[in-house]
Every structure is written in C-alpha cells, then in structure tokens.
C-alpha cells in the first residue's frame, strides 16, 4: 500500500496532475510523520487507518465550508476525498456491517450500552478502513439500547 502510494506520487508528478499530486504529498507527509513517531515503517493497515483519518478530516471540513457558503472549497474537498477513497479497501455494505455488529454483540455477551467498549474492541480491527466507524458506533449503541 505504502509503495503504491509513492509510485502514484511519482506518476502524478510526471503526468503533472496537480490535484492528485497535492493530495498524495499530504498523505506522504502524514505517513512520514507517523513513521517518525512510531520509529518504524507503516504496515498496510496503519496506512489505511491514516487514509481513513484524512478522509474524515476532509468530511468535517466540508461541513464547515458549507456553513460558510464556500462551494469552491466543498468541491475541492470532495475531489480530494475521491482520490483518497481510491486507495481504501472496498467498503462493506450496511447489511454486512449489521451482521458483524450482531455477531460481535453475541460474542461479547453484551447486554447494556455500557458494554459498548467490549463490542467496539471486537469490531474495530475487523472493520477499520472497511466501514465508517462512527456509523458502526451508532449502530452498536442503538442495538444495545434496544436490546
């Protein structure tokens, strides 16, 4: 994953694709910072987590841009999200996530909302990068509240 991002960075430079180049440079910088902090090269799942964080940041920015009526910045952020999402693993459908949530609740023997941490502890490694974790969290909370 890391190598693919770096190859694509070089390809974007050669193709003079300024938008993709800008996004990939930001990702490369974030990867390097993370590698310095961890004192090791990032594994694929760590790179995916980093990409998910970048996407989340841009989605939060879009909400702020919309409040400020900055449609130009909304378009730019959406374009950046599209580039980042092209490196993410295929997202699971809502039905698949619901099934995994139900299995995790059963596995953790969770009964009440205070058991949410146990359930998320099971789900997070399985779903990181494959589903929006905030919606997974809401789903778990809802199921435990209505249990």
N, C-alpha and C. Protein backbone atom coordinates (compact mmCIF):
# COMPACT_ATOMS: atom_id res chain seq x y z
N UNK A 1 0.84 -1.20 0.00
CA UNK A 1 0.00 0.00 0.00
C UNK A 1 0.88 1.26 0.00
N UNK A 2 1.84 1.27 0.91
CA UNK A 2 2.75 2.42 1.02
C UNK A 2 3.52 2.63 -0.28
N UNK A 3 4.02 1.53 -0.83
CA UNK A 3 4.80 1.61 -2.07
C UNK A 3 3.92 2.09 -3.22
N UNK A 4 2.66 1.63 -3.25
CA UNK A 4 1.73 2.03 -4.31
C UNK A 4 1.47 3.54 -4.25
N UNK A 5 1.30 4.05 -3.06
CA UNK A 5 1.09 5.50 -2.90
C UNK A 5 2.30 6.28 -3.41
N UNK A 6 3.48 5.81 -3.08
CA UNK A 6 4.70 6.51 -3.51
C UNK A 6 4.90 6.42 -5.02
N UNK A 7 4.56 5.26 -5.61
CA UNK A 7 4.64 5.11 -7.08
C UNK A 7 3.66 6.05 -7.76
N UNK A 8 2.45 6.13 -7.21
CA UNK A 8 1.44 7.01 -7.78
C UNK A 8 1.82 8.48 -7.64
N UNK A 9 2.55 8.80 -6.57
CA UNK A 9 3.03 10.16 -6.37
C UNK A 9 3.99 10.53 -7.50
N UNK A 10 4.91 9.64 -7.82
CA UNK A 10 5.86 9.88 -8.91
C UNK A 10 5.11 9.98 -10.25
N UNK A 11 4.14 9.08 -10.47
CA UNK A 11 3.35 9.11 -11.71
C UNK A 11 2.58 10.43 -11.83
N UNK A 12 2.03 10.92 -10.73
CA UNK A 12 1.29 12.18 -10.75
C UNK A 12 2.23 13.35 -11.06
N UNK A 13 3.47 13.26 -10.56
CA UNK A 13 4.46 14.30 -10.88
C UNK A 13 4.74 14.32 -12.37
N UNK A 14 4.97 13.12 -12.94
CA UNK A 14 5.28 13.03 -14.36
C UNK A 14 4.11 13.47 -15.23
N UNK A 15 2.89 13.15 -14.80
CA UNK A 15 1.70 13.50 -15.56
C UNK A 15 1.27 14.95 -15.29
N UNK A 16 1.93 15.60 -14.36
CA UNK A 16 1.60 16.96 -13.95
C UNK A 16 0.15 17.08 -13.51
N UNK A 17 -0.33 16.07 -12.80
CA UNK A 17 -1.67 16.05 -12.23
C UNK A 17 -1.59 16.75 -10.87
N UNK A 18 -1.79 18.07 -10.89
CA UNK A 18 -1.55 18.89 -9.69
C UNK A 18 -2.44 18.49 -8.52
N UNK A 19 -3.70 18.19 -8.80
CA UNK A 19 -4.64 17.87 -7.72
C UNK A 19 -4.24 16.58 -7.00
N UNK A 20 -3.99 15.52 -7.79
CA UNK A 20 -3.61 14.24 -7.20
C UNK A 20 -2.26 14.36 -6.51
N UNK A 21 -1.37 15.08 -7.13
CA UNK A 21 -0.03 15.28 -6.57
C UNK A 21 -0.12 15.95 -5.20
N UNK A 22 -0.94 16.97 -5.10
CA UNK A 22 -1.12 17.69 -3.84
C UNK A 22 -1.63 16.75 -2.74
N UNK A 23 -2.66 15.97 -3.05
CA UNK A 23 -3.24 15.05 -2.07
C UNK A 23 -2.23 14.00 -1.66
N UNK A 24 -1.53 13.41 -2.63
CA UNK A 24 -0.56 12.36 -2.32
C UNK A 24 0.63 12.90 -1.53
N UNK A 25 0.99 14.14 -1.77
CA UNK A 25 2.07 14.74 -0.98
C UNK A 25 1.63 14.91 0.47
N UNK A 26 0.37 15.32 0.68
CA UNK A 26 -0.14 15.44 2.05
C UNK A 26 -0.14 14.08 2.75
N UNK A 27 -0.54 13.05 2.02
CA UNK A 27 -0.57 11.70 2.58
C UNK A 27 0.85 11.24 2.90
N UNK A 28 1.77 11.50 1.98
CA UNK A 28 3.17 11.11 2.20
C UNK A 28 3.71 11.80 3.44
N UNK A 29 3.41 13.08 3.60
CA UNK A 29 3.86 13.82 4.77
C UNK A 29 3.29 13.24 6.06
N UNK A 30 2.00 12.91 6.02
CA UNK A 30 1.35 12.32 7.20
C UNK A 30 1.96 10.95 7.51
N UNK A 31 2.26 10.17 6.44
CA UNK A 31 2.89 8.85 6.64
C UNK A 31 4.27 9.01 7.27
N UNK A 32 5.05 9.95 6.76
CA UNK A 32 6.40 10.15 7.28
C UNK A 32 6.35 10.59 8.74
N UNK A 33 5.42 11.48 9.08
CA UNK A 33 5.28 11.93 10.45
C UNK A 33 4.93 10.77 11.37
N UNK A 34 4.01 9.94 10.92
CA UNK A 34 3.58 8.77 11.70
C UNK A 34 4.74 7.79 11.86
N UNK A 35 5.53 7.60 10.79
CA UNK A 35 6.67 6.68 10.85
C UNK A 35 7.74 7.19 11.81
N UNK A 36 7.93 8.50 11.84
CA UNK A 36 8.91 9.08 12.77
C UNK A 36 8.42 8.85 14.21
N UNK A 37 7.13 9.08 14.44
CA UNK A 37 6.58 8.89 15.79
C UNK A 37 6.66 7.43 16.24
N UNK A 38 6.41 6.49 15.30
CA UNK A 38 6.41 5.07 15.66
C UNK A 38 7.78 4.43 15.50
N UNK A 39 8.70 5.15 14.89
CA UNK A 39 10.06 4.66 14.65
C UNK A 39 10.11 3.37 13.85
N UNK A 40 9.14 3.23 12.92
CA UNK A 40 9.14 2.07 12.01
C UNK A 40 8.29 2.42 10.80
N UNK A 41 8.48 1.63 9.73
CA UNK A 41 7.67 1.83 8.52
C UNK A 41 6.24 1.34 8.78
N UNK A 42 5.28 2.07 8.25
CA UNK A 42 3.88 1.72 8.49
C UNK A 42 3.46 0.48 7.72
N UNK A 43 2.67 -0.37 8.37
CA UNK A 43 2.09 -1.53 7.71
C UNK A 43 0.85 -1.07 6.95
N UNK A 44 0.34 -1.95 6.07
CA UNK A 44 -0.82 -1.60 5.25
C UNK A 44 -2.02 -1.15 6.07
N UNK A 45 -2.31 -1.86 7.17
CA UNK A 45 -3.48 -1.48 7.97
C UNK A 45 -3.29 -0.11 8.62
N UNK A 46 -2.05 0.24 8.95
CA UNK A 46 -1.77 1.56 9.51
C UNK A 46 -1.92 2.65 8.46
N UNK A 47 -1.52 2.34 7.22
CA UNK A 47 -1.68 3.30 6.12
C UNK A 47 -3.17 3.50 5.85
N UNK A 48 -3.94 2.42 5.88
CA UNK A 48 -5.39 2.51 5.66
C UNK A 48 -6.03 3.36 6.75
N UNK A 49 -5.60 3.17 8.00
CA UNK A 49 -6.13 3.98 9.11
C UNK A 49 -5.78 5.46 8.90
N UNK A 50 -4.59 5.71 8.40
CA UNK A 50 -4.15 7.08 8.13
C UNK A 50 -5.02 7.70 7.03
N UNK A 51 -5.29 6.93 5.98
CA UNK A 51 -6.14 7.42 4.89
C UNK A 51 -7.55 7.70 5.39
N UNK A 52 -8.07 6.80 6.23
CA UNK A 52 -9.41 6.99 6.79
C UNK A 52 -9.47 8.28 7.60
N UNK A 53 -8.41 8.56 8.33
CA UNK A 53 -8.33 9.78 9.14
C UNK A 53 -8.33 11.01 8.23
N UNK A 54 -7.59 10.93 7.12
CA UNK A 54 -7.53 12.04 6.17
C UNK A 54 -8.91 12.29 5.56
N UNK A 55 -9.62 11.21 5.23
CA UNK A 55 -10.97 11.33 4.66
C UNK A 55 -11.91 11.96 5.68
N UNK A 56 -11.83 11.49 6.92
CA UNK A 56 -12.70 12.01 7.98
C UNK A 56 -12.46 13.51 8.17
N UNK A 57 -11.21 13.92 8.16
CA UNK A 57 -10.87 15.34 8.32
C UNK A 57 -11.49 16.17 7.22
N UNK A 58 -11.42 15.68 5.99
CA UNK A 58 -11.98 16.42 4.87
C UNK A 58 -13.51 16.48 4.93
N UNK A 59 -14.14 15.39 5.40
CA UNK A 59 -15.60 15.40 5.53
C UNK A 59 -16.03 16.41 6.59
N UNK A 60 -15.26 16.52 7.66
CA UNK A 60 -15.56 17.52 8.69
C UNK A 60 -15.37 18.93 8.12
N UNK A 61 -14.35 19.10 7.29
CA UNK A 61 -14.10 20.40 6.67
C UNK A 61 -15.25 20.78 5.75
N UNK A 62 -15.80 19.81 5.02
CA UNK A 62 -16.90 20.09 4.11
C UNK A 62 -18.08 20.69 4.88
N UNK A 63 -18.37 20.14 6.05
CA UNK A 63 -19.48 20.67 6.85
C UNK A 63 -19.23 22.14 7.19
N UNK A 64 -17.99 22.47 7.54
CA UNK A 64 -17.65 23.86 7.87
C UNK A 64 -17.72 24.75 6.63
N UNK A 65 -17.24 24.24 5.50
CA UNK A 65 -17.27 25.02 4.26
C UNK A 65 -18.70 25.31 3.84
N UNK A 66 -19.59 24.33 4.03
CA UNK A 66 -20.99 24.52 3.66
C UNK A 66 -21.63 25.60 4.53
N UNK A 67 -21.27 25.63 5.82
CA UNK A 67 -21.79 26.68 6.71
C UNK A 67 -21.35 28.05 6.23
N UNK A 68 -20.15 28.13 5.68
CA UNK A 68 -19.61 29.39 5.20
C UNK A 68 -19.92 29.67 3.74
N UNK A 69 -20.77 28.87 3.13
CA UNK A 69 -21.13 29.02 1.71
C UNK A 69 -19.91 29.08 0.80
N UNK A 70 -18.97 28.16 1.03
CA UNK A 70 -17.76 28.10 0.21
C UNK A 70 -17.83 26.87 -0.69
N UNK A 71 -18.66 26.94 -1.73
CA UNK A 71 -18.86 25.79 -2.61
C UNK A 71 -17.57 25.40 -3.33
N UNK A 72 -16.68 26.37 -3.58
CA UNK A 72 -15.41 26.06 -4.23
C UNK A 72 -14.56 25.13 -3.37
N UNK A 73 -14.55 25.40 -2.06
CA UNK A 73 -13.77 24.55 -1.15
C UNK A 73 -14.45 23.20 -0.93
N UNK A 74 -15.77 23.17 -0.98
CA UNK A 74 -16.51 21.91 -0.86
C UNK A 74 -16.15 21.01 -2.04
N UNK A 75 -16.13 21.57 -3.24
CA UNK A 75 -15.77 20.79 -4.44
C UNK A 75 -14.35 20.26 -4.35
N UNK A 76 -13.44 21.11 -3.89
CA UNK A 76 -12.04 20.70 -3.76
C UNK A 76 -11.91 19.56 -2.75
N UNK A 77 -12.58 19.68 -1.61
CA UNK A 77 -12.51 18.64 -0.58
C UNK A 77 -13.12 17.34 -1.09
N UNK A 78 -14.23 17.43 -1.84
CA UNK A 78 -14.85 16.22 -2.40
C UNK A 78 -13.91 15.54 -3.40
N UNK A 79 -13.20 16.33 -4.19
CA UNK A 79 -12.24 15.77 -5.15
C UNK A 79 -11.10 15.06 -4.41
N UNK A 80 -10.65 15.67 -3.31
CA UNK A 80 -9.58 15.06 -2.51
C UNK A 80 -10.06 13.75 -1.88
N UNK A 81 -11.30 13.75 -1.40
CA UNK A 81 -11.88 12.53 -0.81
C UNK A 81 -11.93 11.42 -1.85
N UNK A 82 -12.33 11.76 -3.08
CA UNK A 82 -12.41 10.75 -4.15
C UNK A 82 -11.04 10.13 -4.41
N UNK A 83 -10.00 10.96 -4.42
CA UNK A 83 -8.64 10.44 -4.64
C UNK A 83 -8.24 9.52 -3.48
N UNK A 84 -8.50 9.96 -2.25
CA UNK A 84 -8.13 9.15 -1.08
C UNK A 84 -8.91 7.84 -1.04
N UNK A 85 -10.20 7.90 -1.37
CA UNK A 85 -11.03 6.69 -1.32
C UNK A 85 -10.60 5.65 -2.35
N UNK A 86 -9.94 6.08 -3.41
CA UNK A 86 -9.48 5.12 -4.41
C UNK A 86 -8.41 4.18 -3.85
N UNK A 87 -7.79 4.55 -2.73
CA UNK A 87 -6.77 3.71 -2.10
C UNK A 87 -7.33 2.86 -0.96
N UNK A 88 -8.56 3.13 -0.59
CA UNK A 88 -9.18 2.41 0.53
C UNK A 88 -9.69 1.05 0.06
N UNK A 89 -9.72 0.07 0.98
CA UNK A 89 -10.32 -1.21 0.61
C UNK A 89 -11.80 -1.01 0.34
N UNK A 90 -12.39 -1.95 -0.37
CA UNK A 90 -13.82 -1.84 -0.69
C UNK A 90 -14.63 -1.76 0.60
N UNK A 91 -15.55 -0.82 0.63
CA UNK A 91 -16.39 -0.62 1.81
C UNK A 91 -17.44 -1.72 1.90
N UNK A 92 -17.73 -2.16 3.11
CA UNK A 92 -18.74 -3.18 3.33
C UNK A 92 -20.13 -2.55 3.25
N UNK A 93 -21.10 -3.35 2.84
CA UNK A 93 -22.47 -2.85 2.77
C UNK A 93 -23.02 -2.72 4.19
N UNK A 94 -24.11 -1.98 4.32
CA UNK A 94 -24.71 -1.78 5.65
C UNK A 94 -25.19 -3.12 6.23
N UNK A 95 -25.70 -4.01 5.36
CA UNK A 95 -26.17 -5.32 5.82
C UNK A 95 -25.01 -6.15 6.38
N UNK A 96 -23.86 -6.11 5.69
CA UNK A 96 -22.69 -6.85 6.16
C UNK A 96 -22.21 -6.32 7.51
N UNK A 97 -22.23 -5.00 7.65
CA UNK A 97 -21.80 -4.39 8.91
C UNK A 97 -22.78 -4.77 10.02
N UNK A 98 -24.08 -4.72 9.73
CA UNK A 98 -25.09 -5.09 10.73
C UNK A 98 -24.89 -6.52 11.21
N UNK A 99 -24.59 -7.41 10.28
CA UNK A 99 -24.36 -8.81 10.62
C UNK A 99 -23.15 -8.94 11.55
N UNK A 100 -22.07 -8.22 11.22
CA UNK A 100 -20.86 -8.28 12.03
C UNK A 100 -21.10 -7.67 13.42
N UNK A 101 -21.91 -6.62 13.48
CA UNK A 101 -22.24 -5.99 14.76
C UNK A 101 -23.01 -6.99 15.63
N UNK A 102 -24.00 -7.65 15.03
CA UNK A 102 -24.80 -8.64 15.77
C UNK A 102 -23.91 -9.77 16.30
N UNK A 103 -22.99 -10.24 15.46
CA UNK A 103 -22.07 -11.32 15.88
C UNK A 103 -21.17 -10.85 17.02
N UNK A 104 -20.68 -9.62 16.93
CA UNK A 104 -19.78 -9.09 17.97
C UNK A 104 -20.53 -8.91 19.29
N UNK A 105 -21.78 -8.47 19.22
CA UNK A 105 -22.58 -8.30 20.44
C UNK A 105 -22.77 -9.66 21.11
N UNK A 106 -23.05 -10.66 20.28
CA UNK A 106 -23.24 -12.01 20.82
C UNK A 106 -21.93 -12.55 21.40
N UNK A 107 -20.83 -12.35 20.68
CA UNK A 107 -19.52 -12.84 21.12
C UNK A 107 -19.11 -12.19 22.44
N UNK A 108 -19.39 -10.88 22.58
CA UNK A 108 -19.01 -10.15 23.79
C UNK A 108 -20.03 -10.35 24.91
N UNK A 109 -21.12 -11.02 24.59
CA UNK A 109 -22.22 -11.23 25.54
C UNK A 109 -22.67 -9.88 26.10
N UNK A 110 -22.79 -8.90 25.19
CA UNK A 110 -23.16 -7.54 25.58
C UNK A 110 -24.67 -7.44 25.76
N UNK A 111 -25.07 -6.77 26.84
CA UNK A 111 -26.50 -6.62 27.15
C UNK A 111 -26.93 -5.16 27.23
N UNK A 112 -26.05 -4.31 27.75
CA UNK A 112 -26.41 -2.92 28.02
C UNK A 112 -25.44 -1.97 27.31
N UNK A 113 -25.85 -0.70 27.15
CA UNK A 113 -24.98 0.25 26.46
C UNK A 113 -23.57 0.39 27.07
N UNK A 114 -23.43 0.10 28.35
CA UNK A 114 -22.09 0.20 28.96
C UNK A 114 -21.14 -0.91 28.47
N UNK A 115 -21.67 -1.92 27.78
CA UNK A 115 -20.84 -2.98 27.19
C UNK A 115 -20.32 -2.59 25.80
N UNK A 116 -20.61 -1.37 25.38
CA UNK A 116 -20.23 -0.93 24.03
C UNK A 116 -18.73 -1.05 23.77
N UNK A 117 -17.91 -0.76 24.77
CA UNK A 117 -16.45 -0.84 24.62
C UNK A 117 -15.98 -2.23 24.23
N UNK A 118 -16.58 -3.25 24.84
CA UNK A 118 -16.22 -4.64 24.51
C UNK A 118 -16.54 -4.94 23.05
N UNK A 119 -17.73 -4.51 22.62
CA UNK A 119 -18.18 -4.79 21.25
C UNK A 119 -17.29 -4.05 20.25
N UNK A 120 -17.01 -2.78 20.51
CA UNK A 120 -16.17 -1.99 19.61
C UNK A 120 -14.75 -2.55 19.57
N UNK A 121 -14.29 -3.10 20.69
CA UNK A 121 -12.97 -3.72 20.73
C UNK A 121 -12.87 -4.90 19.78
N UNK A 122 -13.97 -5.60 19.61
CA UNK A 122 -14.01 -6.74 18.67
C UNK A 122 -14.13 -6.23 17.24
N UNK A 123 -14.99 -5.23 17.03
CA UNK A 123 -15.29 -4.75 15.68
C UNK A 123 -14.20 -3.90 15.04
N UNK A 124 -13.55 -3.07 15.82
CA UNK A 124 -12.59 -2.12 15.25
C UNK A 124 -11.51 -2.78 14.40
N UNK A 125 -10.83 -3.82 14.86
CA UNK A 125 -9.81 -4.43 13.99
C UNK A 125 -10.41 -5.05 12.72
N UNK A 126 -11.64 -5.55 12.81
CA UNK A 126 -12.27 -6.18 11.65
C UNK A 126 -12.75 -5.17 10.61
N UNK A 127 -13.19 -4.00 11.08
CA UNK A 127 -13.86 -3.05 10.19
C UNK A 127 -13.04 -1.81 9.85
N UNK A 128 -11.91 -1.61 10.50
CA UNK A 128 -11.13 -0.40 10.24
C UNK A 128 -10.81 -0.28 8.75
N UNK A 129 -11.22 0.84 8.17
CA UNK A 129 -10.96 1.09 6.75
C UNK A 129 -12.01 0.49 5.83
N UNK A 130 -12.83 -0.41 6.36
CA UNK A 130 -13.84 -1.06 5.52
C UNK A 130 -15.24 -0.51 5.77
N UNK A 131 -15.37 0.30 6.82
CA UNK A 131 -16.66 0.90 7.16
C UNK A 131 -16.40 2.18 7.95
N UNK A 132 -17.37 3.08 7.92
CA UNK A 132 -17.28 4.32 8.68
C UNK A 132 -17.50 3.97 10.15
N UNK A 133 -16.45 4.13 10.95
CA UNK A 133 -16.51 3.68 12.34
C UNK A 133 -17.50 4.49 13.18
N UNK A 134 -17.77 5.73 12.82
CA UNK A 134 -18.75 6.49 13.59
C UNK A 134 -20.16 5.94 13.38
N UNK A 135 -20.46 5.49 12.16
CA UNK A 135 -21.78 4.89 11.93
C UNK A 135 -21.86 3.50 12.57
N UNK A 136 -20.73 2.78 12.61
CA UNK A 136 -20.70 1.48 13.29
C UNK A 136 -20.96 1.69 14.78
N UNK A 137 -20.34 2.71 15.35
CA UNK A 137 -20.52 3.02 16.75
C UNK A 137 -21.99 3.34 17.06
N UNK A 138 -22.62 4.14 16.20
CA UNK A 138 -24.04 4.47 16.38
C UNK A 138 -24.89 3.21 16.31
N UNK A 139 -24.55 2.33 15.36
CA UNK A 139 -25.31 1.09 15.19
C UNK A 139 -25.22 0.21 16.44
N UNK A 140 -24.01 0.09 16.99
CA UNK A 140 -23.80 -0.72 18.21
C UNK A 140 -24.60 -0.12 19.36
N UNK A 141 -24.49 1.19 19.52
CA UNK A 141 -25.20 1.87 20.61
C UNK A 141 -26.71 1.65 20.50
N UNK A 142 -27.21 1.77 19.28
CA UNK A 142 -28.65 1.59 19.03
C UNK A 142 -29.10 0.18 19.38
N UNK A 143 -28.30 -0.81 18.93
CA UNK A 143 -28.67 -2.21 19.19
C UNK A 143 -28.61 -2.54 20.68
N UNK A 144 -27.62 -1.99 21.39
CA UNK A 144 -27.51 -2.27 22.81
C UNK A 144 -28.59 -1.53 23.62
N UNK A 145 -29.01 -0.39 23.15
CA UNK A 145 -30.06 0.37 23.83
C UNK A 145 -31.41 -0.35 23.66
N UNK A 146 -31.62 -0.92 22.47
CA UNK A 146 -32.90 -1.58 22.17
C UNK A 146 -32.86 -3.08 22.49
N UNK A 147 -31.76 -3.55 23.05
CA UNK A 147 -31.56 -4.99 23.30
C UNK A 147 -32.56 -5.53 24.29
